[in-house]
Amino acid sequence: RLAPSAHNAQDWKLVVVQDQKKREQLAQAAGQPFVGTAPVVIAAVSLNPTDVLSSGVPTYPIDLGIIVDHLTLAATSLGLVTCWVGAFDQEEVRKVLNIPAECKVVVLLPLGHPTDGAEPKVRKGLDEIISNENF
């Protein structure tokens, strides 16, 4: 709720899904069975996917990226795990969650407790992702 957004409009809605049948339907729409095994799946939805910044960049992927990142960091601080799921059938997810056609589902975020044996993520070194003064 406190995440920044373009024009401070908060043109998004988070749909929290706990119903097992709906979670299974979302897993099918994503083609990723693990989505249905999470106790909670959050669908991050843009209410205004046509808004564009003066730079020509659409606002919705930025706004939803920020809010979902805040959720991911908050979950991690509580010992929970998440997984950004961006590969899914847009129309099928809309149908499962009764999302209006003018809106766009941007991310499905399964949320739960880690399983035993989960391996830590490998991350690039700072020297691989940061440059100074020039690209």
N, C-alpha and C. Protein backbone atom coordinates (compact mmCIF):
# COMPACT_ATOMS: atom_id res chain seq x y z
N ARG A 1 0.81 -1.19 0.00
CA ARG A 1 0.00 0.00 0.00
C ARG A 1 0.85 1.26 0.00
N LEU A 2 2.05 1.17 0.55
CA LEU A 2 2.92 2.34 0.64
C LEU A 2 3.91 2.43 -0.52
N ALA A 3 3.89 1.46 -1.42
CA ALA A 3 4.81 1.47 -2.55
C ALA A 3 4.54 2.67 -3.44
N PRO A 4 5.60 3.28 -3.97
CA PRO A 4 5.39 4.39 -4.90
C PRO A 4 4.77 3.91 -6.21
N SER A 5 4.09 4.82 -6.88
CA SER A 5 3.50 4.51 -8.19
C SER A 5 3.47 5.79 -9.01
N ALA A 6 3.39 5.63 -10.33
CA ALA A 6 3.34 6.78 -11.23
C ALA A 6 2.16 7.68 -10.86
N HIS A 7 2.43 8.95 -10.77
CA HIS A 7 1.41 9.96 -10.43
C HIS A 7 0.79 9.67 -9.05
N ASN A 8 1.42 8.80 -8.27
CA ASN A 8 0.89 8.34 -6.98
C ASN A 8 -0.55 7.83 -7.12
N ALA A 9 -0.85 7.27 -8.27
CA ALA A 9 -2.23 6.86 -8.58
C ALA A 9 -2.61 5.50 -8.01
N GLN A 10 -1.63 4.68 -7.70
CA GLN A 10 -1.89 3.31 -7.23
C GLN A 10 -2.92 2.62 -8.12
N ASP A 11 -2.66 2.65 -9.41
CA ASP A 11 -3.57 2.05 -10.40
C ASP A 11 -3.38 0.54 -10.49
N TRP A 12 -3.48 -0.12 -9.34
CA TRP A 12 -3.34 -1.56 -9.30
C TRP A 12 -4.22 -2.15 -8.22
N LYS A 13 -4.43 -3.43 -8.33
CA LYS A 13 -5.18 -4.17 -7.31
C LYS A 13 -4.48 -5.49 -7.12
N LEU A 14 -4.41 -5.94 -5.89
CA LEU A 14 -3.84 -7.24 -5.57
C LEU A 14 -4.99 -8.18 -5.21
N VAL A 15 -5.08 -9.28 -5.93
CA VAL A 15 -6.12 -10.26 -5.66
C VAL A 15 -5.47 -11.41 -4.90
N VAL A 16 -5.84 -11.59 -3.64
CA VAL A 16 -5.27 -12.63 -2.79
C VAL A 16 -6.14 -13.87 -2.92
N VAL A 17 -5.52 -14.96 -3.37
CA VAL A 17 -6.26 -16.19 -3.64
C VAL A 17 -5.80 -17.27 -2.67
N GLN A 18 -6.75 -17.74 -1.84
CA GLN A 18 -6.47 -18.82 -0.90
C GLN A 18 -7.28 -20.08 -1.23
N ASP A 19 -8.35 -19.92 -1.97
CA ASP A 19 -9.20 -21.05 -2.33
C ASP A 19 -8.40 -22.07 -3.15
N GLN A 20 -8.40 -23.33 -2.70
CA GLN A 20 -7.59 -24.35 -3.35
C GLN A 20 -7.96 -24.57 -4.81
N LYS A 21 -9.24 -24.60 -5.11
CA LYS A 21 -9.67 -24.82 -6.49
C LYS A 21 -9.16 -23.70 -7.40
N LYS A 22 -9.29 -22.45 -6.93
CA LYS A 22 -8.82 -21.32 -7.74
C LYS A 22 -7.29 -21.35 -7.90
N ARG A 23 -6.57 -21.73 -6.84
CA ARG A 23 -5.11 -21.83 -6.94
C ARG A 23 -4.72 -22.89 -7.97
N GLU A 24 -5.45 -24.00 -7.99
CA GLU A 24 -5.19 -25.05 -8.97
C GLU A 24 -5.50 -24.56 -10.39
N GLN A 25 -6.56 -23.78 -10.53
CA GLN A 25 -6.89 -23.23 -11.85
C GLN A 25 -5.82 -22.24 -12.31
N LEU A 26 -5.28 -21.46 -11.37
CA LEU A 26 -4.20 -20.54 -11.72
C LEU A 26 -2.95 -21.31 -12.13
N ALA A 27 -2.68 -22.41 -11.44
CA ALA A 27 -1.53 -23.26 -11.80
C ALA A 27 -1.70 -23.80 -13.22
N GLN A 28 -2.90 -24.20 -13.56
CA GLN A 28 -3.16 -24.69 -14.92
C GLN A 28 -2.99 -23.56 -15.94
N ALA A 29 -3.48 -22.37 -15.61
CA ALA A 29 -3.35 -21.23 -16.52
C ALA A 29 -1.89 -20.85 -16.73
N ALA A 30 -1.06 -21.14 -15.73
CA ALA A 30 0.37 -20.83 -15.83
C ALA A 30 1.17 -22.01 -16.38
N GLY A 31 0.55 -23.18 -16.42
CA GLY A 31 1.29 -24.35 -16.84
C GLY A 31 2.42 -24.71 -15.88
N GLN A 32 2.23 -24.32 -14.61
CA GLN A 32 3.26 -24.51 -13.60
C GLN A 32 2.60 -25.06 -12.33
N PRO A 33 2.62 -26.38 -12.15
CA PRO A 33 1.89 -27.00 -11.04
C PRO A 33 2.23 -26.47 -9.65
N PHE A 34 3.47 -26.03 -9.44
CA PHE A 34 3.85 -25.56 -8.11
C PHE A 34 3.02 -24.36 -7.66
N VAL A 35 2.49 -23.60 -8.60
CA VAL A 35 1.67 -22.43 -8.25
C VAL A 35 0.48 -22.88 -7.38
N GLY A 36 -0.11 -24.00 -7.72
CA GLY A 36 -1.26 -24.49 -6.98
C GLY A 36 -0.94 -25.07 -5.63
N THR A 37 0.34 -25.35 -5.36
CA THR A 37 0.71 -25.93 -4.06
C THR A 37 0.97 -24.87 -3.00
N ALA A 38 1.14 -23.64 -3.40
CA ALA A 38 1.34 -22.55 -2.43
C ALA A 38 0.03 -22.27 -1.71
N PRO A 39 0.07 -21.99 -0.43
CA PRO A 39 -1.18 -21.71 0.30
C PRO A 39 -1.85 -20.41 -0.11
N VAL A 40 -1.08 -19.52 -0.72
CA VAL A 40 -1.60 -18.22 -1.17
C VAL A 40 -0.98 -17.90 -2.52
N VAL A 41 -1.79 -17.37 -3.43
CA VAL A 41 -1.28 -16.82 -4.68
C VAL A 41 -1.85 -15.41 -4.79
N ILE A 42 -0.98 -14.45 -5.04
CA ILE A 42 -1.40 -13.07 -5.21
C ILE A 42 -1.31 -12.72 -6.69
N ALA A 43 -2.40 -12.26 -7.25
CA ALA A 43 -2.40 -11.78 -8.64
C ALA A 43 -2.27 -10.27 -8.59
N ALA A 44 -1.22 -9.75 -9.22
CA ALA A 44 -0.99 -8.31 -9.27
C ALA A 44 -1.58 -7.80 -10.59
N VAL A 45 -2.55 -6.89 -10.48
CA VAL A 45 -3.35 -6.49 -11.64
C VAL A 45 -3.25 -4.98 -11.85
N SER A 46 -2.98 -4.60 -13.09
CA SER A 46 -2.99 -3.19 -13.47
C SER A 46 -4.41 -2.77 -13.79
N LEU A 47 -4.86 -1.67 -13.20
CA LEU A 47 -6.19 -1.13 -13.49
C LEU A 47 -6.17 -0.20 -14.69
N ASN A 48 -4.96 0.27 -15.06
CA ASN A 48 -4.85 1.24 -16.15
C ASN A 48 -3.62 0.92 -17.01
N PRO A 49 -3.67 -0.19 -17.77
CA PRO A 49 -2.49 -0.59 -18.53
C PRO A 49 -2.17 0.29 -19.74
N THR A 50 -2.97 1.31 -20.00
CA THR A 50 -2.70 2.19 -21.15
C THR A 50 -1.93 3.45 -20.76
N ASP A 51 -1.73 3.70 -19.47
CA ASP A 51 -1.03 4.91 -19.03
C ASP A 51 0.45 4.81 -19.41
N VAL A 52 0.99 5.93 -19.93
CA VAL A 52 2.38 5.97 -20.39
C VAL A 52 3.05 7.22 -19.83
N LEU A 53 4.28 7.08 -19.36
CA LEU A 53 5.05 8.22 -18.88
C LEU A 53 5.51 9.09 -20.04
N SER A 54 5.95 10.30 -19.74
CA SER A 54 6.43 11.19 -20.80
C SER A 54 7.65 10.61 -21.52
N SER A 55 8.32 9.64 -20.91
CA SER A 55 9.48 8.98 -21.53
C SER A 55 9.05 7.94 -22.56
N GLY A 56 7.74 7.68 -22.63
CA GLY A 56 7.24 6.67 -23.54
C GLY A 56 7.15 5.29 -22.92
N VAL A 57 7.49 5.18 -21.65
CA VAL A 57 7.48 3.89 -20.95
C VAL A 57 6.11 3.70 -20.28
N PRO A 58 5.47 2.54 -20.48
CA PRO A 58 4.20 2.28 -19.79
C PRO A 58 4.41 2.25 -18.28
N THR A 59 3.45 2.77 -17.54
CA THR A 59 3.58 2.83 -16.08
C THR A 59 3.32 1.49 -15.40
N TYR A 60 2.43 0.67 -15.98
CA TYR A 60 1.99 -0.51 -15.24
C TYR A 60 3.09 -1.52 -14.91
N PRO A 61 4.06 -1.81 -15.82
CA PRO A 61 5.06 -2.80 -15.40
C PRO A 61 5.97 -2.26 -14.30
N ILE A 62 6.18 -0.94 -14.30
CA ILE A 62 7.00 -0.34 -13.26
C ILE A 62 6.25 -0.37 -11.93
N ASP A 63 5.02 0.12 -11.94
CA ASP A 63 4.22 0.17 -10.71
C ASP A 63 4.03 -1.21 -10.10
N LEU A 64 3.69 -2.18 -10.94
CA LEU A 64 3.46 -3.53 -10.42
C LEU A 64 4.77 -4.18 -10.01
N GLY A 65 5.85 -3.86 -10.70
CA GLY A 65 7.16 -4.37 -10.29
C GLY A 65 7.53 -3.88 -8.91
N ILE A 66 7.25 -2.62 -8.64
CA ILE A 66 7.57 -2.05 -7.33
C ILE A 66 6.73 -2.71 -6.23
N ILE A 67 5.43 -2.79 -6.43
CA ILE A 67 4.58 -3.34 -5.37
C ILE A 67 4.88 -4.82 -5.13
N VAL A 68 5.11 -5.58 -6.21
CA VAL A 68 5.41 -7.00 -6.03
C VAL A 68 6.79 -7.18 -5.38
N ASP A 69 7.73 -6.32 -5.72
CA ASP A 69 9.03 -6.39 -5.07
C ASP A 69 8.91 -6.09 -3.58
N HIS A 70 8.11 -5.09 -3.22
CA HIS A 70 7.88 -4.80 -1.80
C HIS A 70 7.28 -6.03 -1.11
N LEU A 71 6.31 -6.66 -1.75
CA LEU A 71 5.70 -7.87 -1.18
C LEU A 71 6.74 -8.98 -1.00
N THR A 72 7.58 -9.16 -2.01
CA THR A 72 8.60 -10.20 -1.96
C THR A 72 9.58 -9.95 -0.81
N LEU A 73 10.03 -8.70 -0.68
CA LEU A 73 10.96 -8.37 0.40
C LEU A 73 10.30 -8.52 1.78
N ALA A 74 9.06 -8.11 1.90
CA ALA A 74 8.35 -8.26 3.18
C ALA A 74 8.18 -9.74 3.52
N ALA A 75 7.82 -10.54 2.53
CA ALA A 75 7.66 -11.98 2.76
C ALA A 75 8.98 -12.60 3.21
N THR A 76 10.06 -12.24 2.53
CA THR A 76 11.38 -12.78 2.88
C THR A 76 11.75 -12.42 4.31
N SER A 77 11.44 -11.19 4.72
CA SER A 77 11.76 -10.77 6.09
C SER A 77 10.98 -11.57 7.13
N LEU A 78 9.87 -12.17 6.71
CA LEU A 78 9.05 -12.99 7.61
C LEU A 78 9.37 -14.48 7.48
N GLY A 79 10.40 -14.81 6.69
CA GLY A 79 10.79 -16.21 6.53
C GLY A 79 9.96 -16.96 5.50
N LEU A 80 9.21 -16.22 4.68
CA LEU A 80 8.39 -16.84 3.64
C LEU A 80 9.13 -16.81 2.31
N VAL A 81 8.63 -17.58 1.35
CA VAL A 81 9.23 -17.58 0.02
C VAL A 81 8.16 -17.21 -1.01
N THR A 82 8.63 -16.65 -2.12
CA THR A 82 7.75 -16.26 -3.21
C THR A 82 8.42 -16.66 -4.52
N CYS A 83 7.67 -16.56 -5.59
CA CYS A 83 8.22 -16.78 -6.92
C CYS A 83 7.42 -15.95 -7.90
N TRP A 84 8.10 -15.04 -8.61
CA TRP A 84 7.43 -14.25 -9.65
C TRP A 84 7.05 -15.18 -10.78
N VAL A 85 5.79 -15.18 -11.15
CA VAL A 85 5.33 -15.98 -12.28
C VAL A 85 4.74 -15.01 -13.30
N GLY A 86 5.44 -14.87 -14.42
CA GLY A 86 4.97 -13.98 -15.47
C GLY A 86 4.48 -14.72 -16.69
N ALA A 87 4.66 -16.04 -16.70
CA ALA A 87 4.22 -16.86 -17.83
C ALA A 87 2.89 -17.51 -17.46
N PHE A 88 1.82 -17.01 -18.06
CA PHE A 88 0.48 -17.55 -17.81
C PHE A 88 -0.45 -17.08 -18.91
N ASP A 89 -1.58 -17.73 -19.00
CA ASP A 89 -2.59 -17.37 -19.99
C ASP A 89 -3.43 -16.23 -19.41
N GLN A 90 -3.23 -15.03 -19.95
CA GLN A 90 -3.89 -13.81 -19.46
C GLN A 90 -5.40 -13.99 -19.38
N GLU A 91 -6.00 -14.46 -20.46
CA GLU A 91 -7.46 -14.59 -20.50
C GLU A 91 -7.97 -15.61 -19.48
N GLU A 92 -7.24 -16.69 -19.32
CA GLU A 92 -7.66 -17.73 -18.38
C GLU A 92 -7.59 -17.22 -16.94
N VAL A 93 -6.53 -16.50 -16.61
CA VAL A 93 -6.41 -15.93 -15.25
C VAL A 93 -7.52 -14.91 -15.01
N ARG A 94 -7.79 -14.08 -16.00
CA ARG A 94 -8.89 -13.12 -15.87
C ARG A 94 -10.20 -13.84 -15.58
N LYS A 95 -10.44 -14.93 -16.29
CA LYS A 95 -11.68 -15.68 -16.12
C LYS A 95 -11.77 -16.29 -14.72
N VAL A 96 -10.69 -16.89 -14.26
CA VAL A 96 -10.68 -17.53 -12.93
C VAL A 96 -10.96 -16.51 -11.83
N LEU A 97 -10.42 -15.31 -11.97
CA LEU A 97 -10.50 -14.29 -10.90
C LEU A 97 -11.51 -13.19 -11.19
N ASN A 98 -12.29 -13.33 -12.26
CA ASN A 98 -13.31 -12.32 -12.62
C ASN A 98 -12.70 -10.92 -12.79
N ILE A 99 -11.58 -10.85 -13.47
CA ILE A 99 -10.90 -9.58 -13.70
C ILE A 99 -11.42 -8.95 -14.98
N PRO A 100 -11.81 -7.68 -14.93
CA PRO A 100 -12.34 -7.01 -16.13
C PRO A 100 -11.35 -7.01 -17.29
N ALA A 101 -11.87 -7.01 -18.49
CA ALA A 101 -11.07 -7.07 -19.72
C ALA A 101 -10.13 -5.87 -19.86
N GLU A 102 -10.51 -4.72 -19.32
CA GLU A 102 -9.66 -3.52 -19.47
C GLU A 102 -8.45 -3.54 -18.54
N CYS A 103 -8.40 -4.50 -17.63
CA CYS A 103 -7.27 -4.63 -16.71
C CYS A 103 -6.27 -5.65 -17.25
N LYS A 104 -5.05 -5.62 -16.72
CA LYS A 104 -4.01 -6.56 -17.17
C LYS A 104 -3.37 -7.21 -15.95
N VAL A 105 -3.38 -8.54 -15.94
CA VAL A 105 -2.67 -9.28 -14.90
C VAL A 105 -1.20 -9.24 -15.27
N VAL A 106 -0.35 -8.83 -14.33
CA VAL A 106 1.06 -8.65 -14.62
C VAL A 106 1.90 -9.78 -14.01
N VAL A 107 1.57 -10.19 -12.80
CA VAL A 107 2.35 -11.20 -12.10
C VAL A 107 1.42 -12.06 -11.25
N LEU A 108 1.73 -13.35 -11.19
CA LEU A 108 1.16 -14.23 -10.18
C LEU A 108 2.29 -14.48 -9.17
N LEU A 109 1.99 -14.33 -7.90
CA LEU A 109 3.01 -14.46 -6.87
C LEU A 109 2.60 -15.52 -5.85
N PRO A 110 3.02 -16.78 -6.05
CA PRO A 110 2.78 -17.78 -5.02
C PRO A 110 3.56 -17.39 -3.76
N LEU A 111 2.96 -17.65 -2.61
CA LEU A 111 3.55 -17.23 -1.34
C LEU A 111 3.36 -18.36 -0.34
N GLY A 112 4.43 -18.73 0.36
CA GLY A 112 4.32 -19.80 1.34
C GLY A 112 5.59 -19.98 2.13
N HIS A 113 5.65 -21.10 2.84
CA HIS A 113 6.82 -21.45 3.65
C HIS A 113 7.79 -22.25 2.79
N PRO A 114 9.10 -22.10 3.03
CA PRO A 114 10.08 -22.84 2.23
C PRO A 114 9.98 -24.34 2.51
N THR A 115 10.30 -25.12 1.51
CA THR A 115 10.36 -26.56 1.69
C THR A 115 11.77 -26.96 2.06
N ASP A 116 11.91 -28.09 2.69
CA ASP A 116 13.24 -28.58 3.04
C ASP A 116 14.06 -28.79 1.77
N GLY A 117 15.31 -28.45 1.82
CA GLY A 117 16.20 -28.67 0.69
C GLY A 117 16.19 -27.56 -0.34
N ALA A 118 15.47 -26.48 -0.08
CA ALA A 118 15.47 -25.37 -1.04
C ALA A 118 16.88 -24.78 -1.11
N GLU A 119 17.39 -24.62 -2.32
CA GLU A 119 18.74 -24.10 -2.49
C GLU A 119 18.74 -22.59 -2.63
N PRO A 120 19.76 -21.93 -2.07
CA PRO A 120 19.83 -20.47 -2.22
C PRO A 120 20.04 -20.09 -3.68
N LYS A 121 19.55 -18.93 -4.06
CA LYS A 121 19.68 -18.43 -5.42
C LYS A 121 21.11 -17.95 -5.66
N VAL A 122 21.61 -18.21 -6.84
CA VAL A 122 22.92 -17.71 -7.24
C VAL A 122 22.71 -16.34 -7.86
N ARG A 123 23.51 -15.38 -7.45
CA ARG A 123 23.41 -14.01 -7.94
C ARG A 123 24.74 -13.57 -8.54
N LYS A 124 24.68 -12.74 -9.56
CA LYS A 124 25.89 -12.19 -10.18
C LYS A 124 26.59 -11.27 -9.19
N GLY A 125 27.91 -11.11 -9.37
CA GLY A 125 28.69 -10.18 -8.56
C GLY A 125 28.37 -8.75 -8.96
N LEU A 126 28.63 -7.81 -8.07
CA LEU A 126 28.36 -6.40 -8.35
C LEU A 126 29.10 -5.92 -9.59
N ASP A 127 30.33 -6.41 -9.81
CA ASP A 127 31.10 -5.98 -10.97
C ASP A 127 30.46 -6.41 -12.29
N GLU A 128 29.55 -7.38 -12.25
CA GLU A 128 28.87 -7.82 -13.47
C GLU A 128 27.61 -7.02 -13.77
N ILE A 129 27.06 -6.32 -12.77
CA ILE A 129 25.79 -5.64 -12.97
C ILE A 129 25.85 -4.12 -12.81
N ILE A 130 26.98 -3.62 -12.34
CA ILE A 130 27.11 -2.16 -12.12
C ILE A 130 28.30 -1.63 -12.91
N SER A 131 28.09 -0.49 -13.58
CA SER A 131 29.21 0.23 -14.20
C SER A 131 29.14 1.68 -13.76
N ASN A 132 30.27 2.33 -13.74
CA ASN A 132 30.33 3.73 -13.29
C ASN A 132 30.54 4.65 -14.46
N GLU A 133 29.77 5.71 -14.50
CA GLU A 133 29.89 6.81 -15.45
C GLU A 133 29.46 6.46 -16.87
N ASN A 134 29.77 5.28 -17.34
CA ASN A 134 29.42 4.85 -18.70
C ASN A 134 28.91 3.41 -18.64
N PHE A 135 28.22 3.03 -19.69
CA PHE A 135 27.68 1.68 -19.78
C PHE A 135 28.81 0.67 -19.73
